[in-house]
């Protein structure tokens, strides 16, 4: 069953508000973005913040049973656990 999560953030290059979409279809997660409603979706390489947002959304949706499985939550948790640790800038 496909899972789709959409939210907004600011484009780091222009500062404009953009719509983000994370979708799981056929076992693959894809991230896309667009600035305006009728534009085409652009492929996006996800950041740690994006994965954290997806995990939070999956956990909230899981309680409502919107097509989210334990495997979906575990997969995103593994991605975040394997993400390189963020070093403190003061060090």
PDB file of N, CA and C in Angstrom:
ATOM      1  N   UNK A   1       0.835  -1.179   0.000  1.00  0.00           N
ATOM      2  CA  UNK A   1       0.000   0.000   0.000  1.00  0.00           C
ATOM      3  C   UNK A   1       0.889   1.255   0.000  1.00  0.00           C
ATOM      4  N   UNK A   2       0.647   2.208  -0.883  1.00  0.00           N
ATOM      5  CA  UNK A   2       1.482   3.411  -0.927  1.00  0.00           C
ATOM      6  C   UNK A   2       1.251   4.303   0.288  1.00  0.00           C
ATOM      7  N   UNK A   3       2.317   4.979   0.701  1.00  0.00           N
ATOM      8  CA  UNK A   3       2.257   5.938   1.804  1.00  0.00           C
ATOM      9  C   UNK A   3       2.760   7.262   1.249  1.00  0.00           C
ATOM     10  N   UNK A   4       2.055   8.348   1.543  1.00  0.00           N
ATOM     11  CA  UNK A   4       2.463   9.673   1.073  1.00  0.00           C
ATOM     12  C   UNK A   4       2.371  10.667   2.225  1.00  0.00           C
ATOM     13  N   UNK A   5       3.432  11.447   2.394  1.00  0.00           N
ATOM     14  CA  UNK A   5       3.489  12.472   3.433  1.00  0.00           C
ATOM     15  C   UNK A   5       3.868  13.779   2.753  1.00  0.00           C
ATOM     16  N   UNK A   6       3.112  14.839   3.020  1.00  0.00           N
ATOM     17  CA  UNK A   6       3.407  16.157   2.455  1.00  0.00           C
ATOM     18  C   UNK A   6       3.502  17.190   3.569  1.00  0.00           C
ATOM     19  N   UNK A   7       4.412  18.134   3.394  1.00  0.00           N
ATOM     20  CA  UNK A   7       4.568  19.237   4.341  1.00  0.00           C
ATOM     21  C   UNK A   7       5.266  20.380   3.638  1.00  0.00           C
ATOM     22  N   UNK A   8       5.410  21.506   4.346  1.00  0.00           N
ATOM     23  CA  UNK A   8       6.060  22.690   3.783  1.00  0.00           C
ATOM     24  C   UNK A   8       7.343  23.001   4.546  1.00  0.00           C
ATOM     25  N   UNK A   9       8.286  23.622   3.852  1.00  0.00           N
ATOM     26  CA  UNK A   9       9.473  24.194   4.486  1.00  0.00           C
ATOM     27  C   UNK A   9       9.939  25.351   3.622  1.00  0.00           C
ATOM     28  N   UNK A  10      11.114  25.883   3.917  1.00  0.00           N
ATOM     29  CA  UNK A  10      11.671  26.979   3.125  1.00  0.00           C
ATOM     30  C   UNK A  10      12.794  26.445   2.246  1.00  0.00           C
ATOM     31  N   UNK A  11      12.793  26.856   0.993  1.00  0.00           N
ATOM     32  CA  UNK A  11      13.844  26.472   0.054  1.00  0.00           C
ATOM     33  C   UNK A  11      15.151  27.095   0.544  1.00  0.00           C
ATOM     34  N   UNK A  12      16.195  26.300   0.772  1.00  0.00           N
ATOM     35  CA  UNK A  12      17.449  26.850   1.294  1.00  0.00           C
ATOM     36  C   UNK A  12      18.135  27.825   0.331  1.00  0.00           C
ATOM     37  N   UNK A  13      17.870  27.718  -0.961  1.00  0.00           N
ATOM     38  CA  UNK A  13      18.513  28.607  -1.933  1.00  0.00           C
ATOM     39  C   UNK A  13      17.792  29.939  -2.078  1.00  0.00           C
ATOM     40  N   UNK A  14      16.462  29.906  -2.133  1.00  0.00           N
ATOM     41  CA  UNK A  14      15.704  31.134  -2.392  1.00  0.00           C
ATOM     42  C   UNK A  14      14.968  31.667  -1.175  1.00  0.00           C
ATOM     43  N   UNK A  15      14.765  30.844  -0.161  1.00  0.00           N
ATOM     44  CA  UNK A  15      14.006  31.257   1.005  1.00  0.00           C
ATOM     45  C   UNK A  15      12.494  31.207   0.789  1.00  0.00           C
ATOM     46  N   UNK A  16      12.071  30.757  -0.406  1.00  0.00           N
ATOM     47  CA  UNK A  16      10.638  30.645  -0.698  1.00  0.00           C
ATOM     48  C   UNK A  16      10.059  29.411  -0.015  1.00  0.00           C
ATOM     49  N   UNK A  17       8.783  29.505   0.274  1.00  0.00           N
ATOM     50  CA  UNK A  17       8.078  28.356   0.837  1.00  0.00           C
ATOM     51  C   UNK A  17       7.899  27.317  -0.267  1.00  0.00           C
ATOM     52  N   UNK A  18       8.195  26.066   0.070  1.00  0.00           N
ATOM     53  CA  UNK A  18       8.037  24.988  -0.909  1.00  0.00           C
ATOM     54  C   UNK A  18       7.293  23.827  -0.283  1.00  0.00           C
ATOM     55  N   UNK A  19       6.660  23.045  -1.117  1.00  0.00           N
ATOM     56  CA  UNK A  19       5.945  21.843  -0.684  1.00  0.00           C
ATOM     57  C   UNK A  19       6.866  20.647  -0.894  1.00  0.00           C
ATOM     58  N   UNK A  20       6.964  19.823   0.131  1.00  0.00           N
ATOM     59  CA  UNK A  20       7.768  18.610   0.071  1.00  0.00           C
ATOM     60  C   UNK A  20       6.844  17.401   0.082  1.00  0.00           C
ATOM     61  N   UNK A  21       7.282  16.344  -0.558  1.00  0.00           N
ATOM     62  CA  UNK A  21       6.517  15.102  -0.578  1.00  0.00           C
ATOM     63  C   UNK A  21       7.483  13.937  -0.416  1.00  0.00           C
ATOM     64  N   UNK A  22       7.158  13.074   0.531  1.00  0.00           N
ATOM     65  CA  UNK A  22       7.867  11.802   0.683  1.00  0.00           C
ATOM     66  C   UNK A  22       6.838  10.726   0.391  1.00  0.00           C
ATOM     67  N   UNK A  23       7.175   9.837  -0.531  1.00  0.00           N
ATOM     68  CA  UNK A  23       6.221   8.792  -0.872  1.00  0.00           C
ATOM     69  C   UNK A  23       6.926   7.447  -0.935  1.00  0.00           C
ATOM     70  N   UNK A  24       6.244   6.446  -0.394  1.00  0.00           N
ATOM     71  CA  UNK A  24       6.754   5.079  -0.464  1.00  0.00           C
ATOM     72  C   UNK A  24       5.836   4.317  -1.402  1.00  0.00           C
ATOM     73  N   UNK A  25       6.432   3.826  -2.473  1.00  0.00           N
ATOM     74  CA  UNK A  25       5.681   3.047  -3.445  1.00  0.00           C
ATOM     75  C   UNK A  25       6.573   1.913  -3.915  1.00  0.00           C
ATOM     76  N   UNK A  26       6.054   0.725  -3.922  1.00  0.00           N
ATOM     77  CA  UNK A  26       6.794  -0.472  -4.334  1.00  0.00           C
ATOM     78  C   UNK A  26       8.074  -0.642  -3.522  1.00  0.00           C
ATOM     79  N   UNK A  27       7.995  -0.308  -2.226  1.00  0.00           N
ATOM     80  CA  UNK A  27       9.128  -0.504  -1.332  1.00  0.00           C
ATOM     81  C   UNK A  27      10.220   0.546  -1.425  1.00  0.00           C
ATOM     82  N   UNK A  28      10.041   1.567  -2.249  1.00  0.00           N
ATOM     83  CA  UNK A  28      11.052   2.611  -2.430  1.00  0.00           C
ATOM     84  C   UNK A  28      10.521   3.949  -1.908  1.00  0.00           C
ATOM     85  N   UNK A  29      11.349   4.665  -1.148  1.00  0.00           N
ATOM     86  CA  UNK A  29      11.004   6.009  -0.708  1.00  0.00           C
ATOM     87  C   UNK A  29      11.543   7.003  -1.715  1.00  0.00           C
ATOM     88  N   UNK A  30      10.724   7.962  -2.087  1.00  0.00           N
ATOM     89  CA  UNK A  30      11.124   9.034  -3.006  1.00  0.00           C
ATOM     90  C   UNK A  30      10.759  10.363  -2.375  1.00  0.00           C
ATOM     91  N   UNK A  31      11.657  11.326  -2.489  1.00  0.00           N
ATOM     92  CA  UNK A  31      11.404  12.669  -1.984  1.00  0.00           C
ATOM     93  C   UNK A  31      11.360  13.622  -3.168  1.00  0.00           C
ATOM     94  N   UNK A  32      10.381  14.518  -3.136  1.00  0.00           N
ATOM     95  CA  UNK A  32      10.208  15.490  -4.221  1.00  0.00           C
ATOM     96  C   UNK A  32       9.812  16.832  -3.630  1.00  0.00           C
ATOM     97  N   UNK A  33       9.968  17.888  -4.430  1.00  0.00           N
ATOM     98  CA  UNK A  33       9.576  19.229  -3.997  1.00  0.00           C
ATOM     99  C   UNK A  33       9.071  20.049  -5.180  1.00  0.00           C
ATOM    100  N   UNK A  34       8.304  21.099  -4.854  1.00  0.00           N
ATOM    101  CA  UNK A  34       7.882  22.082  -5.850  1.00  0.00           C
ATOM    102  C   UNK A  34       7.506  23.372  -5.122  1.00  0.00           C
ATOM    103  N   UNK A  35       7.634  24.488  -5.840  1.00  0.00           N
ATOM    104  CA  UNK A  35       7.345  25.790  -5.249  1.00  0.00           C
ATOM    105  C   UNK A  35       5.879  26.181  -5.424  1.00  0.00           C
ATOM    106  N   UNK A  36       5.324  25.865  -6.572  1.00  0.00           N
ATOM    107  CA  UNK A  36       3.951  26.275  -6.864  1.00  0.00           C
ATOM    108  C   UNK A  36       3.070  25.073  -7.160  1.00  0.00           C
ATOM    109  N   UNK A  37       1.804  25.264  -6.993  1.00  0.00           N
ATOM    110  CA  UNK A  37       0.841  24.171  -7.059  1.00  0.00           C
ATOM    111  C   UNK A  37       0.860  23.397  -8.374  1.00  0.00           C
ATOM    112  N   UNK A  38       0.917  24.059  -9.488  1.00  0.00           N
ATOM    113  CA  UNK A  38       0.793  23.352 -10.771  1.00  0.00           C
ATOM    114  C   UNK A  38       2.131  23.102 -11.458  1.00  0.00           C
ATOM    115  N   UNK A  39       3.217  23.264 -10.748  1.00  0.00           N
ATOM    116  CA  UNK A  39       4.532  22.930 -11.299  1.00  0.00           C
ATOM    117  C   UNK A  39       4.752  21.422 -11.192  1.00  0.00           C
ATOM    118  N   UNK A  40       5.729  20.962 -11.948  1.00  0.00           N
ATOM    119  CA  UNK A  40       6.118  19.549 -11.853  1.00  0.00           C
ATOM    120  C   UNK A  40       6.917  19.333 -10.571  1.00  0.00           C
ATOM    121  N   UNK A  41       6.828  18.130 -10.041  1.00  0.00           N
ATOM    122  CA  UNK A  41       7.609  17.777  -8.860  1.00  0.00           C
ATOM    123  C   UNK A  41       9.061  17.558  -9.260  1.00  0.00           C
ATOM    124  N   UNK A  42       9.996  18.051  -8.463  1.00  0.00           N
ATOM    125  CA  UNK A  42      11.436  17.888  -8.677  1.00  0.00           C
ATOM    126  C   UNK A  42      11.969  16.850  -7.696  1.00  0.00           C
ATOM    127  N   UNK A  43      12.911  16.038  -8.151  1.00  0.00           N
ATOM    128  CA  UNK A  43      13.529  15.016  -7.298  1.00  0.00           C
ATOM    129  C   UNK A  43      14.416  15.705  -6.265  1.00  0.00           C
ATOM    130  N   UNK A  44      14.442  15.159  -5.078  1.00  0.00           N
ATOM    131  CA  UNK A  44      15.167  15.772  -3.973  1.00  0.00           C
ATOM    132  C   UNK A  44      15.930  14.707  -3.199  1.00  0.00           C
ATOM    133  N   UNK A  45      17.168  15.009  -2.832  1.00  0.00           N
ATOM    134  CA  UNK A  45      17.952  14.129  -1.963  1.00  0.00           C
ATOM    135  C   UNK A  45      17.579  14.486  -0.520  1.00  0.00           C
ATOM    136  N   UNK A  46      17.030  13.549   0.243  1.00  0.00           N
ATOM    137  CA  UNK A  46      16.522  13.883   1.582  1.00  0.00           C
ATOM    138  C   UNK A  46      17.636  14.203   2.579  1.00  0.00           C
ATOM    139  N   UNK A  47      17.313  15.090   3.492  1.00  0.00           N
ATOM    140  CA  UNK A  47      18.215  15.431   4.587  1.00  0.00           C
ATOM    141  C   UNK A  47      17.769  14.666   5.837  1.00  0.00           C
ATOM    142  N   UNK A  48      18.583  14.743   6.863  1.00  0.00           N
ATOM    143  CA  UNK A  48      18.215  14.103   8.131  1.00  0.00           C
ATOM    144  C   UNK A  48      16.911  14.692   8.667  1.00  0.00           C
ATOM    145  N   UNK A  49      16.762  16.013   8.583  1.00  0.00           N
ATOM    146  CA  UNK A  49      15.528  16.648   9.057  1.00  0.00           C
ATOM    147  C   UNK A  49      14.294  16.094   8.343  1.00  0.00           C
ATOM    148  N   UNK A  50      14.425  15.853   7.046  1.00  0.00           N
ATOM    149  CA  UNK A  50      13.300  15.310   6.277  1.00  0.00           C
ATOM    150  C   UNK A  50      12.947  13.909   6.751  1.00  0.00           C
ATOM    151  N   UNK A  51      13.964  13.072   6.973  1.00  0.00           N
ATOM    152  CA  UNK A  51      13.701  11.726   7.470  1.00  0.00           C
ATOM    153  C   UNK A  51      13.067  11.773   8.860  1.00  0.00           C
ATOM    154  N   UNK A  52      13.515  12.709   9.709  1.00  0.00           N
ATOM    155  CA  UNK A  52      12.927  12.837  11.041  1.00  0.00           C
ATOM    156  C   UNK A  52      11.461  13.229  10.943  1.00  0.00           C
ATOM    157  N   UNK A  53      11.141  14.119  10.016  1.00  0.00           N
ATOM    158  CA  UNK A  53       9.743  14.509   9.813  1.00  0.00           C
ATOM    159  C   UNK A  53       8.914  13.307   9.346  1.00  0.00           C
ATOM    160  N   UNK A  54       9.466  12.526   8.442  1.00  0.00           N
ATOM    161  CA  UNK A  54       8.769  11.333   7.947  1.00  0.00           C
ATOM    162  C   UNK A  54       8.527  10.353   9.094  1.00  0.00           C
ATOM    163  N   UNK A  55       9.538  10.127   9.921  1.00  0.00           N
ATOM    164  CA  UNK A  55       9.385   9.197  11.048  1.00  0.00           C
ATOM    165  C   UNK A  55       8.288   9.678  11.987  1.00  0.00           C
ATOM    166  N   UNK A  56       8.292  10.958  12.319  1.00  0.00           N
ATOM    167  CA  UNK A  56       7.262  11.512  13.195  1.00  0.00           C
ATOM    168  C   UNK A  56       5.873  11.322  12.583  1.00  0.00           C
ATOM    169  N   UNK A  57       5.749  11.597  11.308  1.00  0.00           N
ATOM    170  CA  UNK A  57       4.461  11.441  10.622  1.00  0.00           C
ATOM    171  C   UNK A  57       4.023   9.977  10.583  1.00  0.00           C
ATOM    172  N   UNK A  58       4.963   9.080  10.332  1.00  0.00           N
ATOM    173  CA  UNK A  58       4.624   7.655  10.304  1.00  0.00           C
ATOM    174  C   UNK A  58       4.116   7.193  11.667  1.00  0.00           C
ATOM    175  N   UNK A  59       4.776   7.633  12.708  1.00  0.00           N
ATOM    176  CA  UNK A  59       4.350   7.218  14.051  1.00  0.00           C
ATOM    177  C   UNK A  59       2.965   7.752  14.376  1.00  0.00           C
ATOM    178  N   UNK A  60       2.667   8.972  13.977  1.00  0.00           N
ATOM    179  CA  UNK A  60       1.329   9.522  14.224  1.00  0.00           C
ATOM    180  C   UNK A  60       0.287   8.807  13.369  1.00  0.00           C
ATOM    181  N   UNK A  61       0.605   8.495  12.134  1.00  0.00           N
ATOM    182  CA  UNK A  61      -0.346   7.821  11.245  1.00  0.00           C
ATOM    183  C   UNK A  61      -0.558   6.376  11.652  1.00  0.00           C
ATOM    184  N   UNK A  62       0.469   5.768  12.215  1.00  0.00           N
ATOM    185  CA  UNK A  62       0.362   4.361  12.594  1.00  0.00           C
ATOM    186  C   UNK A  62      -0.783   4.156  13.579  1.00  0.00           C
ATOM    187  N   UNK A  63      -0.936   5.104  14.476  1.00  0.00           N
ATOM    188  CA  UNK A  63      -2.000   4.994  15.466  1.00  0.00           C
ATOM    189  C   UNK A  63      -3.379   5.030  14.815  1.00  0.00           C
ATOM    190  N   UNK A  64      -3.467   5.685  13.666  1.00  0.00           N
ATOM    191  CA  UNK A  64      -4.758   5.783  12.983  1.00  0.00           C
ATOM    192  C   UNK A  64      -4.889   4.722  11.890  1.00  0.00           C
ATOM    193  N   UNK A  65      -3.847   3.931  11.710  1.00  0.00           N
ATOM    194  CA  UNK A  65      -3.872   2.843  10.724  1.00  0.00           C
ATOM    195  C   UNK A  65      -4.087   3.342   9.305  1.00  0.00           C
ATOM    196  N   UNK A  66      -3.274   4.271   8.880  1.00  0.00           N
ATOM    197  CA  UNK A  66      -3.378   4.802   7.520  1.00  0.00           C
ATOM    198  C   UNK A  66      -2.370   4.141   6.593  1.00  0.00           C
ATOM    199  N   UNK A  67      -2.331   2.842   6.590  1.00  0.00           N
ATOM    200  CA  UNK A  67      -1.463   2.118   5.678  1.00  0.00           C
ATOM    201  C   UNK A  67      -0.019   2.027   6.122  1.00  0.00           C
ATOM    202  N   UNK A  68       0.283   2.439   7.345  1.00  0.00           N
ATOM    203  CA  UNK A  68       1.653   2.413   7.857  1.00  0.00           C
ATOM    204  C   UNK A  68       1.852   1.130   8.652  1.00  0.00           C
ATOM    205  N   UNK A  69       2.974   0.470   8.420  1.00  0.00           N
ATOM    206  CA  UNK A  69       3.275  -0.777   9.122  1.00  0.00           C
ATOM    207  C   UNK A  69       4.458  -0.597  10.061  1.00  0.00           C
ATOM    208  N   UNK A  70       4.659  -1.589  10.922  1.00  0.00           N
ATOM    209  CA  UNK A  70       5.844  -1.589  11.792  1.00  0.00           C
ATOM    210  C   UNK A  70       7.113  -1.562  10.958  1.00  0.00           C
ATOM    211  N   UNK A  71       7.084  -2.237   9.816  1.00  0.00           N
ATOM    212  CA  UNK A  71       8.259  -2.295   8.944  1.00  0.00           C
ATOM    213  C   UNK A  71       8.606  -0.908   8.401  1.00  0.00           C
ATOM    214  N   UNK A  72       7.599  -0.088   8.084  1.00  0.00           N
ATOM    215  CA  UNK A  72       7.852   1.270   7.608  1.00  0.00           C
ATOM    216  C   UNK A  72       8.570   2.089   8.676  1.00  0.00           C
ATOM    217  N   UNK A  73       8.062   2.021   9.895  1.00  0.00           N
ATOM    218  CA  UNK A  73       8.654   2.777  11.001  1.00  0.00           C
ATOM    219  C   UNK A  73      10.071   2.273  11.269  1.00  0.00           C
ATOM    220  N   UNK A  74      10.259   0.961  11.301  1.00  0.00           N
ATOM    221  CA  UNK A  74      11.585   0.386  11.569  1.00  0.00           C
ATOM    222  C   UNK A  74      12.585   0.770  10.477  1.00  0.00           C
ATOM    223  N   UNK A  75      12.150   0.794   9.230  1.00  0.00           N
ATOM    224  CA  UNK A  75      13.037   1.153   8.114  1.00  0.00           C
ATOM    225  C   UNK A  75      13.561   2.582   8.268  1.00  0.00           C
ATOM    226  N   UNK A  76      12.673   3.511   8.564  1.00  0.00           N
ATOM    227  CA  UNK A  76      13.097   4.913   8.712  1.00  0.00           C
ATOM    228  C   UNK A  76      13.959   5.063   9.963  1.00  0.00           C
ATOM    229  N   UNK A  77      13.656   4.357  11.026  1.00  0.00           N
ATOM    230  CA  UNK A  77      14.502   4.401  12.229  1.00  0.00           C
ATOM    231  C   UNK A  77      15.910   3.894  11.922  1.00  0.00           C
ATOM    232  N   UNK A  78      16.031   2.846  11.090  1.00  0.00           N
ATOM    233  CA  UNK A  78      17.362   2.329  10.709  1.00  0.00           C
ATOM    234  C   UNK A  78      18.122   3.358   9.878  1.00  0.00           C
ATOM    235  N   UNK A  79      17.439   4.049   8.981  1.00  0.00           N
ATOM    236  CA  UNK A  79      18.101   5.091   8.183  1.00  0.00           C
ATOM    237  C   UNK A  79      18.652   6.172   9.089  1.00  0.00           C
ATOM    238  N   UNK A  80      17.856   6.609  10.049  1.00  0.00           N
ATOM    239  CA  UNK A  80      18.316   7.658  10.963  1.00  0.00           C
ATOM    240  C   UNK A  80      19.443   7.172  11.867  1.00  0.00           C
ATOM    241  N   UNK A  81      19.386   5.920  12.295  1.00  0.00           N
ATOM    242  CA  UNK A  81      20.450   5.377  13.148  1.00  0.00           C
ATOM    243  C   UNK A  81      21.774   5.278  12.390  1.00  0.00           C
ATOM    244  N   UNK A  82      21.705   5.024  11.087  1.00  0.00           N
ATOM    245  CA  UNK A  82      22.911   4.893  10.278  1.00  0.00           C
ATOM    246  C   UNK A  82      23.435   6.247   9.791  1.00  0.00           C
ATOM    247  N   UNK A  83      22.641   7.305   9.965  1.00  0.00           N
ATOM    248  CA  UNK A  83      23.048   8.636   9.503  1.00  0.00           C
ATOM    249  C   UNK A  83      24.273   9.082  10.284  1.00  0.00           C
ATOM    250  N   UNK A  84      25.259   9.679   9.622  1.00  0.00           N
ATOM    251  CA  UNK A  84      26.457  10.138  10.343  1.00  0.00           C
ATOM    252  C   UNK A  84      26.079  11.109  11.467  1.00  0.00           C
ATOM    253  N   UNK A  85      26.743  10.933  12.581  1.00  0.00           N
ATOM    254  CA  UNK A  85      26.463  11.785  13.747  1.00  0.00           C
ATOM    255  C   UNK A  85      26.822  13.237  13.423  1.00  0.00           C
ATOM    256  N   UNK A  86      26.006  14.135  13.899  1.00  0.00           N
ATOM    257  CA  UNK A  86      26.245  15.561  13.697  1.00  0.00           C
ATOM    258  C   UNK A  86      27.235  16.011  14.756  1.00  0.00           C
ATOM    259  N   UNK A  87      28.350  16.597  14.300  1.00  0.00           N
ATOM    260  CA  UNK A  87      29.363  17.076  15.237  1.00  0.00           C
ATOM    261  C   UNK A  87      28.995  18.453  15.736  1.00  0.00           C
ATOM    262  N   UNK A  88      29.285  18.705  16.980  1.00  0.00           N
ATOM    263  CA  UNK A  88      29.016  20.004  17.570  1.00  0.00           C
ATOM    264  C   UNK A  88      29.990  21.005  16.960  1.00  0.00           C
ATOM    265  N   UNK A  89      29.501  22.139  16.484  1.00  0.00           N
ATOM    266  CA  UNK A  89      30.333  23.138  15.800  1.00  0.00           C
ATOM    267  C   UNK A  89      31.353  23.779  16.730  1.00  0.00           C
ATOM    268  N   UNK A  90      31.121  23.726  18.040  1.00  0.00           N
ATOM    269  CA  UNK A  90      32.038  24.357  18.985  1.00  0.00           C
ATOM    270  C   UNK A  90      33.302  23.525  19.197  1.00  0.00           C
ATOM    271  N   UNK A  91      33.272  22.268  18.867  1.00  0.00           N
ATOM    272  CA  UNK A  91      34.439  21.404  19.088  1.00  0.00           C
ATOM    273  C   UNK A  91      35.532  21.681  18.105  1.00  0.00           C
TER     274      UNK A  91
END
